[in-house]
Amino acid sequence: MTTKTTFEDRLLAELQHEIEVRGAAVPAEAAAPRRSPFAGVLTGVLTGRRLALAAGACAMTGLVLVLVPGSPAESPAYAVERHRDGSVTLTLTKIAIGEKSQRQLAERLRAEGIHVTIDNLPFGHVCAQPRGTMPAGSVTRAFIGGPPEEGSVPVGGPTDPAFHRNWRVTLHPGDSLGIENTSRKDGKPGLNSETFYAVKGKIKTCESEYLG
């Protein structure tokens, strides 16, 4: 039996802490959000109960975290719906959308007055948080490990509706979408992870932070 603490263990502990901090802050409407040093990056594979706990934390912190084991997924990867008030609703229709679709999405949203940043980071790095205020009431979901098969439910995973495949957020002109990519640890082509999150107003410049 080993007592070595892995990166995944530290990540899970941080996400669980976010659940407690945010859960206590909502009723009081006073506590300032705590920046998670692990927000925005995932490595390794977590399943079952650990998957459920991590997903719950992601929902509380307003992030959608996506681990990509190999090549980018093919389109269609997203949908953008424009509303009469000028806002747009973005729906990610795949677990991993890939870099090409990210660039196309950025061009589409910028045409609607939405700021989009795409930050490509080395393995083990993230953009330091927070980069702005996330929209209230945003619903997110996360998968840790390889994307599940179409229509499947992770063994031992939650049945909460937040675990559906689509991720949706409504943005207004002047708001921002942050996208973070991390390279593979082995140096091979492709991404280790993709991270998406919305920010009210203009997003701050990414300051790379090494997690070790």
Protein backbone atom coordinates (compact mmCIF):
# COMPACT_ATOMS: atom_id res chain seq x y z
CA MET A 1 0.00 0.00 0.00
CA THR A 2 1.38 3.39 -0.97
CA THR A 3 0.88 6.70 0.79
CA LYS A 4 2.09 8.75 -2.16
CA THR A 5 -0.28 11.58 -2.99
CA THR A 6 -0.90 11.80 -6.73
CA PHE A 7 -1.82 14.85 -8.75
CA GLU A 8 -5.30 13.37 -9.16
CA ASP A 9 -5.67 13.06 -5.37
CA ARG A 10 -4.69 16.71 -4.91
CA LEU A 11 -7.07 17.77 -7.64
CA LEU A 12 -9.97 15.85 -6.12
CA ALA A 13 -9.27 17.24 -2.66
CA GLU A 14 -9.25 20.77 -4.06
CA LEU A 15 -12.50 20.22 -5.93
CA GLN A 16 -14.16 18.81 -2.81
CA HIS A 17 -12.99 21.88 -0.91
CA GLU A 18 -14.60 24.08 -3.56
CA ILE A 19 -17.93 22.34 -2.94
CA GLU A 20 -17.73 23.13 0.78
CA VAL A 21 -16.57 26.73 0.29
CA ARG A 22 -19.12 27.61 -2.38
CA GLY A 23 -21.92 25.77 -0.62
CA ALA A 24 -21.34 27.81 2.53
CA ALA A 25 -20.96 31.07 0.62
CA VAL A 26 -24.23 30.93 -1.34
CA PRO A 27 -26.66 31.26 1.61
CA ALA A 28 -24.59 33.97 3.25
CA GLU A 29 -23.96 35.85 -0.01
CA ALA A 30 -20.87 37.25 1.61
CA ALA A 31 -17.89 34.96 1.28
CA ALA A 32 -15.54 35.81 -1.57
CA PRO A 33 -14.85 32.95 -4.01
CA ARG A 34 -11.62 31.09 -3.34
CA ARG A 35 -9.30 30.62 -6.27
CA SER A 36 -8.65 26.99 -6.93
CA PRO A 37 -5.05 26.32 -8.00
CA PHE A 38 -6.32 23.21 -9.74
CA ALA A 39 -9.19 24.84 -11.62
CA GLY A 40 -8.93 24.20 -15.33
CA VAL A 41 -6.71 21.14 -15.65
CA LEU A 42 -7.14 17.39 -15.38
CA THR A 43 -4.72 14.53 -15.77
CA GLY A 44 -5.00 10.80 -15.31
CA VAL A 45 -8.20 8.85 -14.90
CA LEU A 46 -10.72 9.06 -12.07
CA THR A 47 -13.85 6.93 -11.99
CA GLY A 48 -16.88 6.09 -9.88
CA ARG A 49 -17.31 8.10 -6.69
CA ARG A 50 -14.27 10.27 -7.44
CA LEU A 51 -15.77 11.16 -10.82
CA ALA A 52 -19.06 12.16 -9.19
CA LEU A 53 -17.38 14.32 -6.56
CA ALA A 54 -15.19 16.09 -9.08
CA ALA A 55 -18.16 16.80 -11.33
CA GLY A 56 -20.09 18.29 -8.45
CA ALA A 57 -17.21 20.59 -7.67
CA CYS A 58 -16.95 21.69 -11.27
CA ALA A 59 -20.63 22.61 -11.26
CA MET A 60 -20.04 24.75 -8.17
CA THR A 61 -17.01 26.53 -9.62
CA GLY A 62 -18.54 27.26 -13.02
CA LEU A 63 -16.08 25.29 -15.10
CA VAL A 64 -16.50 22.55 -17.64
CA LEU A 65 -13.44 20.33 -17.72
CA VAL A 66 -12.80 17.93 -20.56
CA LEU A 67 -10.02 15.35 -20.76
CA VAL A 68 -8.98 14.39 -24.26
CA PRO A 69 -7.11 11.09 -24.61
CA GLY A 70 -6.19 11.44 -28.28
CA SER A 71 -7.08 13.23 -31.49
CA PRO A 72 -9.61 16.09 -31.60
CA ALA A 73 -13.20 15.10 -32.22
CA GLU A 74 -14.78 15.90 -35.58
CA SER A 75 -17.57 18.44 -36.10
CA PRO A 76 -20.36 19.11 -35.44
CA ALA A 77 -18.97 19.98 -32.04
CA TYR A 78 -21.03 22.98 -31.01
CA ALA A 79 -24.11 25.08 -31.73
CA VAL A 80 -24.61 28.85 -31.40
CA GLU A 81 -28.11 30.33 -31.17
CA ARG A 82 -28.61 34.10 -31.46
CA HIS A 83 -31.45 35.77 -29.53
CA ARG A 84 -33.37 38.99 -30.21
CA ASP A 85 -31.68 40.80 -27.33
CA GLY A 86 -28.27 40.19 -28.92
CA SER A 87 -27.25 37.41 -26.55
CA VAL A 88 -26.15 34.01 -27.81
CA THR A 89 -26.50 30.56 -26.32
CA LEU A 90 -23.53 28.28 -26.85
CA THR A 91 -24.04 24.53 -26.69
CA LEU A 92 -21.09 22.15 -26.78
CA THR A 93 -22.45 19.00 -28.39
CA LYS A 94 -19.36 16.82 -27.98
CA ILE A 95 -17.18 15.89 -25.02
CA ALA A 96 -14.08 17.18 -26.85
CA ILE A 97 -14.39 19.66 -29.71
CA GLY A 98 -10.74 19.91 -30.82
CA GLU A 99 -8.56 22.85 -31.81
CA LYS A 100 -10.01 23.39 -35.29
CA SER A 101 -13.55 23.66 -33.94
CA GLN A 102 -12.29 25.92 -31.16
CA ARG A 103 -10.95 28.39 -33.73
CA GLN A 104 -14.17 28.27 -35.74
CA LEU A 105 -16.21 28.78 -32.58
CA ALA A 106 -14.06 31.76 -31.57
CA GLU A 107 -14.61 33.40 -34.96
CA ARG A 108 -18.37 32.81 -34.72
CA LEU A 109 -18.67 34.25 -31.21
CA ARG A 110 -16.45 37.25 -31.92
CA ALA A 111 -18.80 38.18 -34.75
CA GLU A 112 -21.50 38.45 -32.06
CA GLY A 113 -19.41 40.73 -29.85
CA ILE A 114 -18.19 37.98 -27.50
CA HIS A 115 -14.55 38.00 -26.36
CA VAL A 116 -12.86 34.61 -26.81
CA THR A 117 -9.42 33.59 -25.61
CA ILE A 118 -7.71 30.33 -26.55
CA ASP A 119 -4.67 29.63 -24.39
CA ASN A 120 -2.39 26.71 -25.27
CA LEU A 121 -0.42 25.64 -22.22
CA PRO A 122 2.26 23.03 -21.48
CA PHE A 123 1.24 19.91 -19.60
CA GLY A 124 0.79 20.68 -15.91
CA HIS A 125 0.03 24.38 -16.44
CA VAL A 126 -3.25 26.27 -16.11
CA CYS A 127 -4.41 29.88 -16.32
CA ALA A 128 -4.47 31.31 -12.80
CA GLN A 129 -8.01 31.89 -11.58
CA PRO A 130 -10.13 33.89 -11.29
CA ARG A 131 -10.02 35.64 -14.65
CA GLY A 132 -13.29 37.42 -14.00
CA THR A 133 -16.77 36.85 -12.57
CA MET A 134 -18.60 33.83 -13.86
CA PRO A 135 -22.31 34.15 -14.77
CA ALA A 136 -24.68 33.28 -11.94
CA GLY A 137 -26.64 30.07 -12.23
CA SER A 138 -24.48 28.53 -14.97
CA VAL A 139 -24.80 24.76 -15.21
CA THR A 140 -21.66 22.78 -16.01
CA ARG A 141 -20.61 19.17 -16.14
CA ALA A 142 -17.29 17.33 -16.19
CA PHE A 143 -15.87 14.01 -17.24
CA ILE A 144 -12.52 12.89 -15.89
CA GLY A 145 -10.83 10.24 -17.95
CA GLY A 146 -11.59 9.25 -21.52
CA PRO A 147 -14.87 10.43 -23.04
CA PRO A 148 -17.64 7.83 -22.49
CA GLU A 149 -19.23 5.92 -25.32
CA GLU A 150 -22.27 7.53 -26.95
CA GLY A 151 -25.30 7.14 -24.70
CA SER A 152 -23.38 5.46 -21.90
CA VAL A 153 -23.28 6.38 -18.22
CA PRO A 154 -20.02 6.01 -16.25
CA VAL A 155 -20.09 2.96 -13.99
CA GLY A 156 -20.84 4.13 -10.48
CA GLY A 157 -21.31 7.67 -11.77
CA PRO A 158 -24.07 10.08 -10.89
CA THR A 159 -27.49 10.27 -12.51
CA ASP A 160 -27.73 14.05 -12.09
CA PRO A 161 -28.98 15.85 -15.24
CA ALA A 162 -25.78 17.91 -15.24
CA PHE A 163 -24.05 14.81 -16.61
CA HIS A 164 -25.75 15.01 -19.99
CA ARG A 165 -23.45 15.31 -23.00
CA ASN A 166 -24.32 18.91 -23.89
CA TRP A 167 -22.96 21.93 -22.03
CA ARG A 168 -24.84 25.20 -22.45
CA VAL A 169 -24.19 28.82 -21.49
CA THR A 170 -25.74 32.14 -22.56
CA LEU A 171 -23.39 35.04 -23.29
CA HIS A 172 -24.15 38.71 -23.91
CA PRO A 173 -22.14 41.11 -26.09
CA GLY A 174 -19.05 42.07 -24.12
CA ASP A 175 -18.95 38.78 -22.19
CA SER A 176 -16.14 36.26 -22.65
CA LEU A 177 -15.49 32.60 -23.24
CA GLY A 178 -12.20 31.23 -21.97
CA ILE A 179 -10.73 28.12 -23.57
CA GLU A 180 -7.64 26.41 -22.18
CA ASN A 181 -5.75 23.57 -23.86
CA THR A 182 -2.92 21.56 -22.33
CA SER A 183 -0.47 19.50 -24.34
CA ARG A 184 0.06 15.79 -23.84
CA LYS A 185 2.58 14.72 -21.22
CA ASP A 186 4.31 12.35 -23.66
CA GLY A 187 4.84 15.14 -26.18
CA LYS A 188 2.78 13.44 -28.89
CA PRO A 189 0.35 15.44 -31.08
CA GLY A 190 -3.05 16.16 -29.61
CA LEU A 191 -4.37 17.61 -26.38
CA ASN A 192 -4.34 16.30 -22.84
CA SER A 193 -7.25 18.51 -21.78
CA GLU A 194 -9.70 21.19 -22.90
CA THR A 195 -11.34 23.61 -20.47
CA PHE A 196 -14.25 25.96 -21.19
CA TYR A 197 -15.68 28.66 -18.95
CA ALA A 198 -17.73 31.83 -19.31
CA VAL A 199 -16.88 35.21 -17.77
CA LYS A 200 -19.07 38.29 -17.43
CA GLY A 201 -17.43 41.18 -19.25
CA LYS A 202 -13.90 41.04 -20.66
CA ILE A 203 -11.75 38.17 -19.45
CA LYS A 204 -8.36 38.84 -17.86
CA THR A 205 -5.16 37.84 -19.64
CA CYS A 206 -4.04 34.30 -18.84
CA GLU A 207 -1.18 34.07 -16.36
CA SER A 208 0.28 30.58 -16.64
CA GLU A 209 0.55 28.71 -13.35
CA TYR A 210 2.50 25.47 -12.91
CA LEU A 211 0.82 22.87 -10.73
CA GLY A 212 3.74 20.48 -10.47
